[in-house]
Amino acid sequence: MYVLINLVGLIVFLVIGFLFSKKKSDIRWRSIAIMLLINLALAWFFTSFTAGRDAVKAAADGFNWLVEVSYQGIVFALPNWVTPAFGGSAKSMNFVTTALLPVLMIVPVFDILTYFGG
């Protein structure tokens, strides 16, 4: 059932892209087919093999580490906005603290890495 839902979603996505395309005759269907095959191969690898699952887990752990480090930065600047679980003194954290501030601290790291070619 999940495969069917994903296929329907993929078809809907392609149809929407086709409908909003200004030059429908310039669409390179071969490139789209190659991209879909690569995407399916990667999805199969990441879900079917231990090495693929380990790679996804490592990437998720790395991102979680970045978020934790960003919370340490928020605690340094605004300790009363972060809960004690992360080193602050707040009773609860709102959307700005849990989502917006970590993004505002993580995105510049990626910008710096991109600038240096990392």
PDB file of N, CA and C in Angstrom:
ATOM      1  N   MET A   1       0.820  -1.195   0.000  1.00  0.00           N
ATOM      2  CA  MET A   1       0.000   0.000   0.000  1.00  0.00           C
ATOM      3  C   MET A   1       0.865   1.260   0.000  1.00  0.00           C
ATOM      4  N   TYR A   2       1.952   1.259   0.806  1.00  0.00           N
ATOM      5  CA  TYR A   2       2.824   2.428   0.861  1.00  0.00           C
ATOM      6  C   TYR A   2       3.513   2.669  -0.476  1.00  0.00           C
ATOM      7  N   VAL A   3       3.865   1.599  -1.166  1.00  0.00           N
ATOM      8  CA  VAL A   3       4.500   1.741  -2.478  1.00  0.00           C
ATOM      9  C   VAL A   3       3.525   2.392  -3.449  1.00  0.00           C
ATOM     10  N   LEU A   4       2.266   1.975  -3.398  1.00  0.00           N
ATOM     11  CA  LEU A   4       1.251   2.548  -4.278  1.00  0.00           C
ATOM     12  C   LEU A   4       1.053   4.035  -3.983  1.00  0.00           C
ATOM     13  N   ILE A   5       0.982   4.389  -2.713  1.00  0.00           N
ATOM     14  CA  ILE A   5       0.827   5.796  -2.331  1.00  0.00           C
ATOM     15  C   ILE A   5       2.020   6.611  -2.820  1.00  0.00           C
ATOM     16  N   ASN A   6       3.228   6.069  -2.669  1.00  0.00           N
ATOM     17  CA  ASN A   6       4.415   6.781  -3.132  1.00  0.00           C
ATOM     18  C   ASN A   6       4.416   6.945  -4.647  1.00  0.00           C
ATOM     19  N   LEU A   7       4.012   5.911  -5.371  1.00  0.00           N
ATOM     20  CA  LEU A   7       3.957   6.010  -6.831  1.00  0.00           C
ATOM     21  C   LEU A   7       2.920   7.037  -7.280  1.00  0.00           C
ATOM     22  N   VAL A   8       1.761   7.047  -6.640  1.00  0.00           N
ATOM     23  CA  VAL A   8       0.738   8.043  -6.972  1.00  0.00           C
ATOM     24  C   VAL A   8       1.268   9.446  -6.677  1.00  0.00           C
ATOM     25  N   GLY A   9       1.933   9.619  -5.552  1.00  0.00           N
ATOM     26  CA  GLY A   9       2.516  10.918  -5.220  1.00  0.00           C
ATOM     27  C   GLY A   9       3.546  11.355  -6.237  1.00  0.00           C
ATOM     28  N   LEU A  10       4.365  10.429  -6.686  1.00  0.00           N
ATOM     29  CA  LEU A  10       5.380  10.730  -7.695  1.00  0.00           C
ATOM     30  C   LEU A  10       4.735  11.143  -9.014  1.00  0.00           C
ATOM     31  N   ILE A  11       3.698  10.427  -9.412  1.00  0.00           N
ATOM     32  CA  ILE A  11       2.992  10.764 -10.654  1.00  0.00           C
ATOM     33  C   ILE A  11       2.336  12.136 -10.540  1.00  0.00           C
ATOM     34  N   VAL A  12       1.703  12.413  -9.403  1.00  0.00           N
ATOM     35  CA  VAL A  12       1.074  13.722  -9.194  1.00  0.00           C
ATOM     36  C   VAL A  12       2.126  14.826  -9.258  1.00  0.00           C
ATOM     37  N   PHE A  13       3.278  14.599  -8.634  1.00  0.00           N
ATOM     38  CA  PHE A  13       4.366  15.576  -8.647  1.00  0.00           C
ATOM     39  C   PHE A  13       4.831  15.848 -10.079  1.00  0.00           C
ATOM     40  N   LEU A  14       5.004  14.801 -10.878  1.00  0.00           N
ATOM     41  CA  LEU A  14       5.429  14.967 -12.270  1.00  0.00           C
ATOM     42  C   LEU A  14       4.360  15.678 -13.101  1.00  0.00           C
ATOM     43  N   VAL A  15       3.091  15.355 -12.873  1.00  0.00           N
ATOM     44  CA  VAL A  15       2.007  16.006 -13.614  1.00  0.00           C
ATOM     45  C   VAL A  15       1.945  17.490 -13.269  1.00  0.00           C
ATOM     46  N   ILE A  16       2.089  17.833 -11.998  1.00  0.00           N
ATOM     47  CA  ILE A  16       2.081  19.245 -11.602  1.00  0.00           C
ATOM     48  C   ILE A  16       3.248  19.982 -12.254  1.00  0.00           C
ATOM     49  N   GLY A  17       4.424  19.363 -12.237  1.00  0.00           N
ATOM     50  CA  GLY A  17       5.569  19.976 -12.900  1.00  0.00           C
ATOM     51  C   GLY A  17       5.333  20.163 -14.387  1.00  0.00           C
ATOM     52  N   PHE A  18       4.716  19.178 -15.026  1.00  0.00           N
ATOM     53  CA  PHE A  18       4.415  19.271 -16.455  1.00  0.00           C
ATOM     54  C   PHE A  18       3.406  20.386 -16.724  1.00  0.00           C
ATOM     55  N   LEU A  19       2.361  20.455 -15.904  1.00  0.00           N
ATOM     56  CA  LEU A  19       1.320  21.463 -16.119  1.00  0.00           C
ATOM     57  C   LEU A  19       1.841  22.885 -15.944  1.00  0.00           C
ATOM     58  N   PHE A  20       2.766  23.095 -15.005  1.00  0.00           N
ATOM     59  CA  PHE A  20       3.286  24.434 -14.757  1.00  0.00           C
ATOM     60  C   PHE A  20       4.509  24.772 -15.612  1.00  0.00           C
ATOM     61  N   SER A  21       4.937  23.849 -16.438  1.00  0.00           N
ATOM     62  CA  SER A  21       6.086  24.091 -17.303  1.00  0.00           C
ATOM     63  C   SER A  21       5.707  25.059 -18.419  1.00  0.00           C
ATOM     64  N   LYS A  22       6.581  26.040 -18.669  1.00  0.00           N
ATOM     65  CA  LYS A  22       6.314  27.009 -19.726  1.00  0.00           C
ATOM     66  C   LYS A  22       6.668  26.455 -21.100  1.00  0.00           C
ATOM     67  N   LYS A  23       7.661  25.569 -21.150  1.00  0.00           N
ATOM     68  CA  LYS A  23       8.082  24.986 -22.425  1.00  0.00           C
ATOM     69  C   LYS A  23       7.990  23.461 -22.316  1.00  0.00           C
ATOM     70  N   LYS A  24       6.785  22.960 -22.493  1.00  0.00           N
ATOM     71  CA  LYS A  24       6.555  21.521 -22.331  1.00  0.00           C
ATOM     72  C   LYS A  24       7.349  20.688 -23.341  1.00  0.00           C
ATOM     73  N   SER A  25       7.634  21.263 -24.490  1.00  0.00           N
ATOM     74  CA  SER A  25       8.372  20.514 -25.512  1.00  0.00           C
ATOM     75  C   SER A  25       9.859  20.383 -25.171  1.00  0.00           C
ATOM     76  N   ASP A  26      10.361  21.223 -24.269  1.00  0.00           N
ATOM     77  CA  ASP A  26      11.781  21.176 -23.900  1.00  0.00           C
ATOM     78  C   ASP A  26      12.070  20.268 -22.705  1.00  0.00           C
ATOM     79  N   ILE A  27      11.053  19.595 -22.189  1.00  0.00           N
ATOM     80  CA  ILE A  27      11.267  18.702 -21.046  1.00  0.00           C
ATOM     81  C   ILE A  27      12.097  17.512 -21.507  1.00  0.00           C
ATOM     82  N   ARG A  28      13.145  17.227 -20.780  1.00  0.00           N
ATOM     83  CA  ARG A  28      14.020  16.098 -21.109  1.00  0.00           C
ATOM     84  C   ARG A  28      13.566  14.882 -20.304  1.00  0.00           C
ATOM     85  N   TRP A  29      12.696  14.082 -20.903  1.00  0.00           N
ATOM     86  CA  TRP A  29      12.115  12.938 -20.203  1.00  0.00           C
ATOM     87  C   TRP A  29      13.161  11.885 -19.877  1.00  0.00           C
ATOM     88  N   ARG A  30      14.177  11.773 -20.706  1.00  0.00           N
ATOM     89  CA  ARG A  30      15.235  10.793 -20.434  1.00  0.00           C
ATOM     90  C   ARG A  30      15.981  11.163 -19.147  1.00  0.00           C
ATOM     91  N   SER A  31      16.265  12.457 -18.965  1.00  0.00           N
ATOM     92  CA  SER A  31      16.941  12.903 -17.742  1.00  0.00           C
ATOM     93  C   SER A  31      16.076  12.647 -16.513  1.00  0.00           C
ATOM     94  N   ILE A  32      14.780  12.876 -16.649  1.00  0.00           N
ATOM     95  CA  ILE A  32      13.864  12.629 -15.536  1.00  0.00           C
ATOM     96  C   ILE A  32      13.824  11.143 -15.211  1.00  0.00           C
ATOM     97  N   ALA A  33      13.798  10.298 -16.229  1.00  0.00           N
ATOM     98  CA  ALA A  33      13.785   8.848 -16.004  1.00  0.00           C
ATOM     99  C   ALA A  33      15.071   8.389 -15.323  1.00  0.00           C
ATOM    100  N   ILE A  34      16.208   8.925 -15.745  1.00  0.00           N
ATOM    101  CA  ILE A  34      17.484   8.569 -15.106  1.00  0.00           C
ATOM    102  C   ILE A  34      17.482   9.003 -13.647  1.00  0.00           C
ATOM    103  N   MET A  35      16.989  10.223 -13.378  1.00  0.00           N
ATOM    104  CA  MET A  35      16.920  10.707 -12.004  1.00  0.00           C
ATOM    105  C   MET A  35      16.030   9.814 -11.138  1.00  0.00           C
ATOM    106  N   LEU A  36      14.904   9.391 -11.685  1.00  0.00           N
ATOM    107  CA  LEU A  36      14.001   8.514 -10.937  1.00  0.00           C
ATOM    108  C   LEU A  36      14.646   7.161 -10.662  1.00  0.00           C
ATOM    109  N   LEU A  37      15.360   6.621 -11.635  1.00  0.00           N
ATOM    110  CA  LEU A  37      16.043   5.339 -11.425  1.00  0.00           C
ATOM    111  C   LEU A  37      17.133   5.457 -10.363  1.00  0.00           C
ATOM    112  N   ILE A  38      17.889   6.538 -10.394  1.00  0.00           N
ATOM    113  CA  ILE A  38      18.919   6.750  -9.367  1.00  0.00           C
ATOM    114  C   ILE A  38      18.265   6.897  -7.997  1.00  0.00           C
ATOM    115  N   ASN A  39      17.159   7.642  -7.943  1.00  0.00           N
ATOM    116  CA  ASN A  39      16.437   7.824  -6.685  1.00  0.00           C
ATOM    117  C   ASN A  39      15.929   6.495  -6.149  1.00  0.00           C
ATOM    118  N   LEU A  40      15.363   5.660  -7.011  1.00  0.00           N
ATOM    119  CA  LEU A  40      14.882   4.342  -6.587  1.00  0.00           C
ATOM    120  C   LEU A  40      16.030   3.455  -6.123  1.00  0.00           C
ATOM    121  N   ALA A  41      17.160   3.503  -6.824  1.00  0.00           N
ATOM    122  CA  ALA A  41      18.318   2.698  -6.427  1.00  0.00           C
ATOM    123  C   ALA A  41      18.843   3.134  -5.063  1.00  0.00           C
ATOM    124  N   LEU A  42      18.913   4.440  -4.834  1.00  0.00           N
ATOM    125  CA  LEU A  42      19.372   4.927  -3.530  1.00  0.00           C
ATOM    126  C   LEU A  42      18.389   4.549  -2.422  1.00  0.00           C
ATOM    127  N   ALA A  43      17.090   4.688  -2.694  1.00  0.00           N
ATOM    128  CA  ALA A  43      16.088   4.308  -1.694  1.00  0.00           C
ATOM    129  C   ALA A  43      16.195   2.827  -1.368  1.00  0.00           C
ATOM    130  N   TRP A  44      16.374   2.004  -2.380  1.00  0.00           N
ATOM    131  CA  TRP A  44      16.539   0.559  -2.169  1.00  0.00           C
ATOM    132  C   TRP A  44      17.786   0.279  -1.341  1.00  0.00           C
ATOM    133  N   PHE A  45      18.889   0.936  -1.670  1.00  0.00           N
ATOM    134  CA  PHE A  45      20.133   0.727  -0.926  1.00  0.00           C
ATOM    135  C   PHE A  45      19.984   1.153   0.532  1.00  0.00           C
ATOM    136  N   PHE A  46      19.400   2.338   0.757  1.00  0.00           N
ATOM    137  CA  PHE A  46      19.297   2.865   2.117  1.00  0.00           C
ATOM    138  C   PHE A  46      18.317   2.084   2.983  1.00  0.00           C
ATOM    139  N   THR A  47      17.359   1.395   2.374  1.00  0.00           N
ATOM    140  CA  THR A  47      16.385   0.650   3.175  1.00  0.00           C
ATOM    141  C   THR A  47      16.649  -0.845   3.231  1.00  0.00           C
ATOM    142  N   SER A  48      17.405  -1.376   2.293  1.00  0.00           N
ATOM    143  CA  SER A  48      17.578  -2.827   2.216  1.00  0.00           C
ATOM    144  C   SER A  48      18.880  -3.349   2.794  1.00  0.00           C
ATOM    145  N   PHE A  49      19.875  -2.508   2.928  1.00  0.00           N
ATOM    146  CA  PHE A  49      21.184  -2.972   3.361  1.00  0.00           C
ATOM    147  C   PHE A  49      21.590  -2.314   4.671  1.00  0.00           C
ATOM    148  N   THR A  50      22.327  -3.056   5.470  1.00  0.00           N
ATOM    149  CA  THR A  50      22.800  -2.538   6.751  1.00  0.00           C
ATOM    150  C   THR A  50      23.687  -1.320   6.547  1.00  0.00           C
ATOM    151  N   ALA A  51      24.546  -1.355   5.544  1.00  0.00           N
ATOM    152  CA  ALA A  51      25.431  -0.216   5.283  1.00  0.00           C
ATOM    153  C   ALA A  51      24.623   1.037   4.950  1.00  0.00           C
ATOM    154  N   GLY A  52      23.538   0.889   4.206  1.00  0.00           N
ATOM    155  CA  GLY A  52      22.686   2.026   3.877  1.00  0.00           C
ATOM    156  C   GLY A  52      21.994   2.587   5.101  1.00  0.00           C
ATOM    157  N   ARG A  53      21.457   1.688   5.928  1.00  0.00           N
ATOM    158  CA  ARG A  53      20.806   2.145   7.159  1.00  0.00           C
ATOM    159  C   ARG A  53      21.815   2.791   8.094  1.00  0.00           C
ATOM    160  N   ASP A  54      23.039   2.236   8.148  1.00  0.00           N
ATOM    161  CA  ASP A  54      24.085   2.837   8.976  1.00  0.00           C
ATOM    162  C   ASP A  54      24.458   4.225   8.473  1.00  0.00           C
ATOM    163  N   ALA A  55      24.481   4.413   7.153  1.00  0.00           N
ATOM    164  CA  ALA A  55      24.794   5.726   6.590  1.00  0.00           C
ATOM    165  C   ALA A  55      23.715   6.743   6.957  1.00  0.00           C
ATOM    166  N   VAL A  56      22.455   6.338   6.863  1.00  0.00           N
ATOM    167  CA  VAL A  56      21.357   7.234   7.231  1.00  0.00           C
ATOM    168  C   VAL A  56      21.419   7.546   8.723  1.00  0.00           C
ATOM    169  N   LYS A  57      21.690   6.529   9.542  1.00  0.00           N
ATOM    170  CA  LYS A  57      21.797   6.742  10.993  1.00  0.00           C
ATOM    171  C   LYS A  57      22.947   7.683  11.315  1.00  0.00           C
ATOM    172  N   ALA A  58      24.085   7.529  10.637  1.00  0.00           N
ATOM    173  CA  ALA A  58      25.231   8.408  10.876  1.00  0.00           C
ATOM    174  C   ALA A  58      24.898   9.850  10.495  1.00  0.00           C
ATOM    175  N   ALA A  59      24.210  10.040   9.380  1.00  0.00           N
ATOM    176  CA  ALA A  59      23.818  11.389   8.971  1.00  0.00           C
ATOM    177  C   ALA A  59      22.837  11.992   9.978  1.00  0.00           C
ATOM    178  N   ALA A  60      21.887  11.191  10.451  1.00  0.00           N
ATOM    179  CA  ALA A  60      20.924  11.679  11.443  1.00  0.00           C
ATOM    180  C   ALA A  60      21.617  12.015  12.757  1.00  0.00           C
ATOM    181  N   ASP A  61      22.555  11.168  13.180  1.00  0.00           N
ATOM    182  CA  ASP A  61      23.303  11.451  14.408  1.00  0.00           C
ATOM    183  C   ASP A  61      24.121  12.727  14.272  1.00  0.00           C
ATOM    184  N   GLY A  62      24.716  12.936  13.099  1.00  0.00           N
ATOM    185  CA  GLY A  62      25.482  14.161  12.866  1.00  0.00           C
ATOM    186  C   GLY A  62      24.601  15.390  12.920  1.00  0.00           C
ATOM    187  N   PHE A  63      23.416  15.304  12.333  1.00  0.00           N
ATOM    188  CA  PHE A  63      22.504  16.443  12.376  1.00  0.00           C
ATOM    189  C   PHE A  63      22.012  16.691  13.796  1.00  0.00           C
ATOM    190  N   ASN A  64      21.701  15.619  14.543  1.00  0.00           N
ATOM    191  CA  ASN A  64      21.287  15.785  15.941  1.00  0.00           C
ATOM    192  C   ASN A  64      22.385  16.440  16.761  1.00  0.00           C
ATOM    193  N   TRP A  65      23.641  16.076  16.484  1.00  0.00           N
ATOM    194  CA  TRP A  65      24.762  16.701  17.182  1.00  0.00           C
ATOM    195  C   TRP A  65      24.806  18.200  16.877  1.00  0.00           C
ATOM    196  N   LEU A  66      24.596  18.566  15.607  1.00  0.00           N
ATOM    197  CA  LEU A  66      24.578  19.985  15.247  1.00  0.00           C
ATOM    198  C   LEU A  66      23.473  20.735  15.987  1.00  0.00           C
ATOM    199  N   VAL A  67      22.304  20.125  16.099  1.00  0.00           N
ATOM    200  CA  VAL A  67      21.195  20.769  16.809  1.00  0.00           C
ATOM    201  C   VAL A  67      21.538  20.934  18.286  1.00  0.00           C
ATOM    202  N   GLU A  68      22.134  19.910  18.894  1.00  0.00           N
ATOM    203  CA  GLU A  68      22.532  20.015  20.302  1.00  0.00           C
ATOM    204  C   GLU A  68      23.569  21.114  20.503  1.00  0.00           C
ATOM    205  N   VAL A  69      24.517  21.217  19.596  1.00  0.00           N
ATOM    206  CA  VAL A  69      25.522  22.275  19.690  1.00  0.00           C
ATOM    207  C   VAL A  69      24.862  23.642  19.528  1.00  0.00           C
ATOM    208  N   SER A  70      23.872  23.734  18.647  1.00  0.00           N
ATOM    209  CA  SER A  70      23.182  25.015  18.485  1.00  0.00           C
ATOM    210  C   SER A  70      22.423  25.385  19.758  1.00  0.00           C
ATOM    211  N   TYR A  71      21.868  24.384  20.455  1.00  0.00           N
ATOM    212  CA  TYR A  71      21.216  24.679  21.734  1.00  0.00           C
ATOM    213  C   TYR A  71      22.225  25.204  22.751  1.00  0.00           C
ATOM    214  N   GLN A  72      23.440  24.695  22.720  1.00  0.00           N
ATOM    215  CA  GLN A  72      24.471  25.222  23.619  1.00  0.00           C
ATOM    216  C   GLN A  72      24.756  26.686  23.302  1.00  0.00           C
ATOM    217  N   GLY A  73      24.745  27.037  22.021  1.00  0.00           N
ATOM    218  CA  GLY A  73      24.922  28.435  21.639  1.00  0.00           C
ATOM    219  C   GLY A  73      23.759  29.293  22.094  1.00  0.00           C
ATOM    220  N   ILE A  74      22.545  28.745  22.007  1.00  0.00           N
ATOM    221  CA  ILE A  74      21.373  29.491  22.466  1.00  0.00           C
ATOM    222  C   ILE A  74      21.436  29.681  23.974  1.00  0.00           C
ATOM    223  N   VAL A  75      21.863  28.638  24.702  1.00  0.00           N
ATOM    224  CA  VAL A  75      22.000  28.750  26.161  1.00  0.00           C
ATOM    225  C   VAL A  75      23.015  29.833  26.509  1.00  0.00           C
ATOM    226  N   PHE A  76      24.083  29.926  25.732  1.00  0.00           N
ATOM    227  CA  PHE A  76      25.095  30.951  25.980  1.00  0.00           C
ATOM    228  C   PHE A  76      24.502  32.354  25.831  1.00  0.00           C
ATOM    229  N   ALA A  77      23.686  32.551  24.790  1.00  0.00           N
ATOM    230  CA  ALA A  77      23.141  33.877  24.524  1.00  0.00           C
ATOM    231  C   ALA A  77      21.841  34.149  25.283  1.00  0.00           C
ATOM    232  N   LEU A  78      20.977  33.151  25.369  1.00  0.00           N
ATOM    233  CA  LEU A  78      19.644  33.332  25.961  1.00  0.00           C
ATOM    234  C   LEU A  78      19.314  32.159  26.879  1.00  0.00           C
ATOM    235  N   PRO A  79      19.926  32.069  28.057  1.00  0.00           N
ATOM    236  CA  PRO A  79      19.734  30.889  28.913  1.00  0.00           C
ATOM    237  C   PRO A  79      18.305  30.694  29.403  1.00  0.00           C
ATOM    238  N   ASN A  80      17.535  31.758  29.509  1.00  0.00           N
ATOM    239  CA  ASN A  80      16.168  31.608  30.010  1.00  0.00           C
ATOM    240  C   ASN A  80      15.182  31.214  28.907  1.00  0.00           C
ATOM    241  N   TRP A  81      15.659  30.909  27.702  1.00  0.00           N
ATOM    242  CA  TRP A  81      14.800  30.454  26.614  1.00  0.00           C
ATOM    243  C   TRP A  81      14.866  28.947  26.424  1.00  0.00           C
ATOM    244  N   VAL A  82      15.816  28.268  27.065  1.00  0.00           N
ATOM    245  CA  VAL A  82      16.064  26.844  26.842  1.00  0.00           C
ATOM    246  C   VAL A  82      15.771  26.077  28.125  1.00  0.00           C
ATOM    247  N   THR A  83      15.194  24.868  28.000  1.00  0.00           N
ATOM    248  CA  THR A  83      14.852  24.056  29.165  1.00  0.00           C
ATOM    249  C   THR A  83      16.105  23.509  29.845  1.00  0.00           C
ATOM    250  N   PRO A  84      15.978  23.102  31.115  1.00  0.00           N
ATOM    251  CA  PRO A  84      17.131  22.545  31.833  1.00  0.00           C
ATOM    252  C   PRO A  84      17.739  21.305  31.164  1.00  0.00           C
ATOM    253  N   ALA A  85      16.950  20.563  30.390  1.00  0.00           N
ATOM    254  CA  ALA A  85      17.491  19.385  29.706  1.00  0.00           C
ATOM    255  C   ALA A  85      18.631  19.759  28.762  1.00  0.00           C
ATOM    256  N   PHE A  86      18.614  20.988  28.275  1.00  0.00           N
ATOM    257  CA  PHE A  86      19.665  21.458  27.372  1.00  0.00           C
ATOM    258  C   PHE A  86      20.586  22.468  28.044  1.00  0.00           C
ATOM    259  N   GLY A  87      20.428  22.675  29.334  1.00  0.00           N
ATOM    260  CA  GLY A  87      21.329  23.556  30.068  1.00  0.00           C
ATOM    261  C   GLY A  87      20.773  24.930  30.373  1.00  0.00           C
ATOM    262  N   GLY A  88      19.504  25.162  30.064  1.00  0.00           N
ATOM    263  CA  GLY A  88      18.909  26.467  30.317  1.00  0.00           C
ATOM    264  C   GLY A  88      18.046  26.462  31.561  1.00  0.00           C
ATOM    265  N   SER A  89      17.214  27.493  31.686  1.00  0.00           N
ATOM    266  CA  SER A  89      16.378  27.614  32.874  1.00  0.00           C
ATOM    267  C   SER A  89      14.892  27.788  32.549  1.00  0.00           C
ATOM    268  N   ALA A  90      14.491  27.647  31.303  1.00  0.00           N
ATOM    269  CA  ALA A  90      13.091  27.846  30.919  1.00  0.00           C
ATOM    270  C   ALA A  90      12.244  26.628  31.281  1.00  0.00           C
ATOM    271  N   LYS A  91      10.944  26.877  31.516  1.00  0.00           N
ATOM    272  CA  LYS A  91      10.024  25.776  31.808  1.00  0.00           C
ATOM    273  C   LYS A  91       9.674  25.008  30.535  1.00  0.00           C
ATOM    274  N   SER A  92       9.553  25.700  29.426  1.00  0.00           N
ATOM    275  CA  SER A  92       9.289  25.055  28.136  1.00  0.00           C
ATOM    276  C   SER A  92       9.888  25.922  27.029  1.00  0.00           C
ATOM    277  N   MET A  93      10.044  25.299  25.857  1.00  0.00           N
ATOM    278  CA  MET A  93      10.611  26.032  24.726  1.00  0.00           C
ATOM    279  C   MET A  93       9.535  26.226  23.666  1.00  0.00           C
ATOM    280  N   ASN A  94       9.510  27.400  23.056  1.00  0.00           N
ATOM    281  CA  ASN A  94       8.535  27.680  22.012  1.00  0.00           C
ATOM    282  C   ASN A  94       9.123  27.390  20.635  1.00  0.00           C
ATOM    283  N   PHE A  95       8.358  27.690  19.600  1.00  0.00           N
ATOM    284  CA  PHE A  95       8.785  27.410  18.223  1.00  0.00           C
ATOM    285  C   PHE A  95      10.080  28.129  17.873  1.00  0.00           C
ATOM    286  N   VAL A  96      10.202  29.365  18.299  1.00  0.00           N
ATOM    287  CA  VAL A  96      11.406  30.138  17.976  1.00  0.00           C
ATOM    288  C   VAL A  96      12.635  29.443  18.532  1.00  0.00           C
ATOM    289  N   THR A  97      12.545  28.954  19.762  1.00  0.00           N
ATOM    290  CA  THR A  97      13.699  28.325  20.401  1.00  0.00           C
ATOM    291  C   THR A  97      13.974  26.938  19.844  1.00  0.00           C
ATOM    292  N   THR A  98      12.940  26.162  19.574  1.00  0.00           N
ATOM    293  CA  THR A  98      13.156  24.780  19.139  1.00  0.00           C
ATOM    294  C   THR A  98      13.458  24.653  17.657  1.00  0.00           C
ATOM    295  N   ALA A  99      12.959  25.556  16.827  1.00  0.00           N
ATOM    296  CA  ALA A  99      13.130  25.400  15.380  1.00  0.00           C
ATOM    297  C   ALA A  99      13.907  26.538  14.734  1.00  0.00           C
ATOM    298  N   LEU A 100      13.495  27.760  14.994  1.00  0.00           N
ATOM    299  CA  LEU A 100      14.071  28.890  14.267  1.00  0.00           C
ATOM    300  C   LEU A 100      15.511  29.183  14.668  1.00  0.00           C
ATOM    301  N   LEU A 101      15.792  29.285  15.950  1.00  0.00           N
ATOM    302  CA  LEU A 101      17.155  29.611  16.379  1.00  0.00           C
ATOM    303  C   LEU A 101      18.179  28.542  15.993  1.00  0.00           C
ATOM    304  N   PRO A 102      17.879  27.233  16.149  1.00  0.00           N
ATOM    305  CA  PRO A 102      18.861  26.253  15.665  1.00  0.00           C
ATOM    306  C   PRO A 102      19.130  26.369  14.165  1.00  0.00           C
ATOM    307  N   VAL A 103      18.090  26.638  13.381  1.00  0.00           N
ATOM    308  CA  VAL A 103      18.296  26.802  11.939  1.00  0.00           C
ATOM    309  C   VAL A 103      19.178  28.011  11.673  1.00  0.00           C
ATOM    310  N   LEU A 104      18.936  29.107  12.400  1.00  0.00           N
ATOM    311  CA  LEU A 104      19.736  30.315  12.204  1.00  0.00           C
ATOM    312  C   LEU A 104      21.182  30.130  12.647  1.00  0.00           C
ATOM    313  N   MET A 105      21.452  29.116  13.442  1.00  0.00           N
ATOM    314  CA  MET A 105      22.831  28.849  13.843  1.00  0.00           C
ATOM    315  C   MET A 105      23.481  27.787  12.957  1.00  0.00           C
ATOM    316  N   ILE A 106      22.698  26.870  12.400  1.00  0.00           N
ATOM    317  CA  ILE A 106      23.255  25.781  11.588  1.00  0.00           C
ATOM    318  C   ILE A 106      23.496  26.223  10.144  1.00  0.00           C
ATOM    319  N   VAL A 107      22.595  27.006   9.576  1.00  0.00           N
ATOM    320  CA  VAL A 107      22.732  27.422   8.176  1.00  0.00           C
ATOM    321  C   VAL A 107      24.040  28.167   7.922  1.00  0.00           C
ATOM    322  N   PRO A 108      24.456  29.095   8.784  1.00  0.00           N
ATOM    323  CA  PRO A 108      25.753  29.739   8.534  1.00  0.00           C
ATOM    324  C   PRO A 108      26.931  28.761   8.546  1.00  0.00           C
ATOM    325  N   VAL A 109      26.841  27.689   9.320  1.00  0.00           N
ATOM    326  CA  VAL A 109      27.913  26.682   9.303  1.00  0.00           C
ATOM    327  C   VAL A 109      28.021  26.077   7.907  1.00  0.00           C
ATOM    328  N   PHE A 110      26.874  25.724   7.312  1.00  0.00           N
ATOM    329  CA  PHE A 110      26.896  25.176   5.956  1.00  0.00           C
ATOM    330  C   PHE A 110      27.357  26.224   4.943  1.00  0.00           C
ATOM    331  N   ASP A 111      26.981  27.493   5.161  1.00  0.00           N
ATOM    332  CA  ASP A 111      27.444  28.553   4.264  1.00  0.00           C
ATOM    333  C   ASP A 111      28.957  28.700   4.321  1.00  0.00           C
ATOM    334  N   ILE A 112      29.518  28.643   5.513  1.00  0.00           N
ATOM    335  CA  ILE A 112      30.972  28.748   5.664  1.00  0.00           C
ATOM    336  C   ILE A 112      31.655  27.551   5.015  1.00  0.00           C
ATOM    337  N   LEU A 113      31.117  26.354   5.241  1.00  0.00           N
ATOM    338  CA  LEU A 113      31.697  25.164   4.614  1.00  0.00           C
ATOM    339  C   LEU A 113      31.617  25.244   3.092  1.00  0.00           C
ATOM    340  N   THR A 114      30.509  25.756   2.578  1.00  0.00           N
ATOM    341  CA  THR A 114      30.379  25.917   1.129  1.00  0.00           C
ATOM    342  C   THR A 114      31.385  26.932   0.609  1.00  0.00           C
ATOM    343  N   TYR A 115      31.586  28.007   1.347  1.00  0.00           N
ATOM    344  CA  TYR A 115      32.543  29.035   0.935  1.00  0.00           C
ATOM    345  C   TYR A 115      33.952  28.460   0.837  1.00  0.00           C
ATOM    346  N   PHE A 116      34.330  27.629   1.802  1.00  0.00           N
ATOM    347  CA  PHE A 116      35.667  27.038   1.797  1.00  0.00           C
ATOM    348  C   PHE A 116      35.748  25.770   0.949  1.00  0.00           C
ATOM    349  N   GLY A 117      34.628  25.333   0.398  1.00  0.00           N
ATOM    350  CA  GLY A 117      34.633  24.150  -0.464  1.00  0.00           C
ATOM    351  C   GLY A 117      34.542  22.850   0.300  1.00  0.00           C
ATOM    352  N   GLY A 118      34.063  22.903   1.539  1.00  0.00           N
ATOM    353  CA  GLY A 118      33.969  21.708   2.382  1.00  0.00           C
ATOM    354  C   GLY A 118      32.761  20.894   2.139  1.00  0.00           C
TER     355      GLY A 118
END
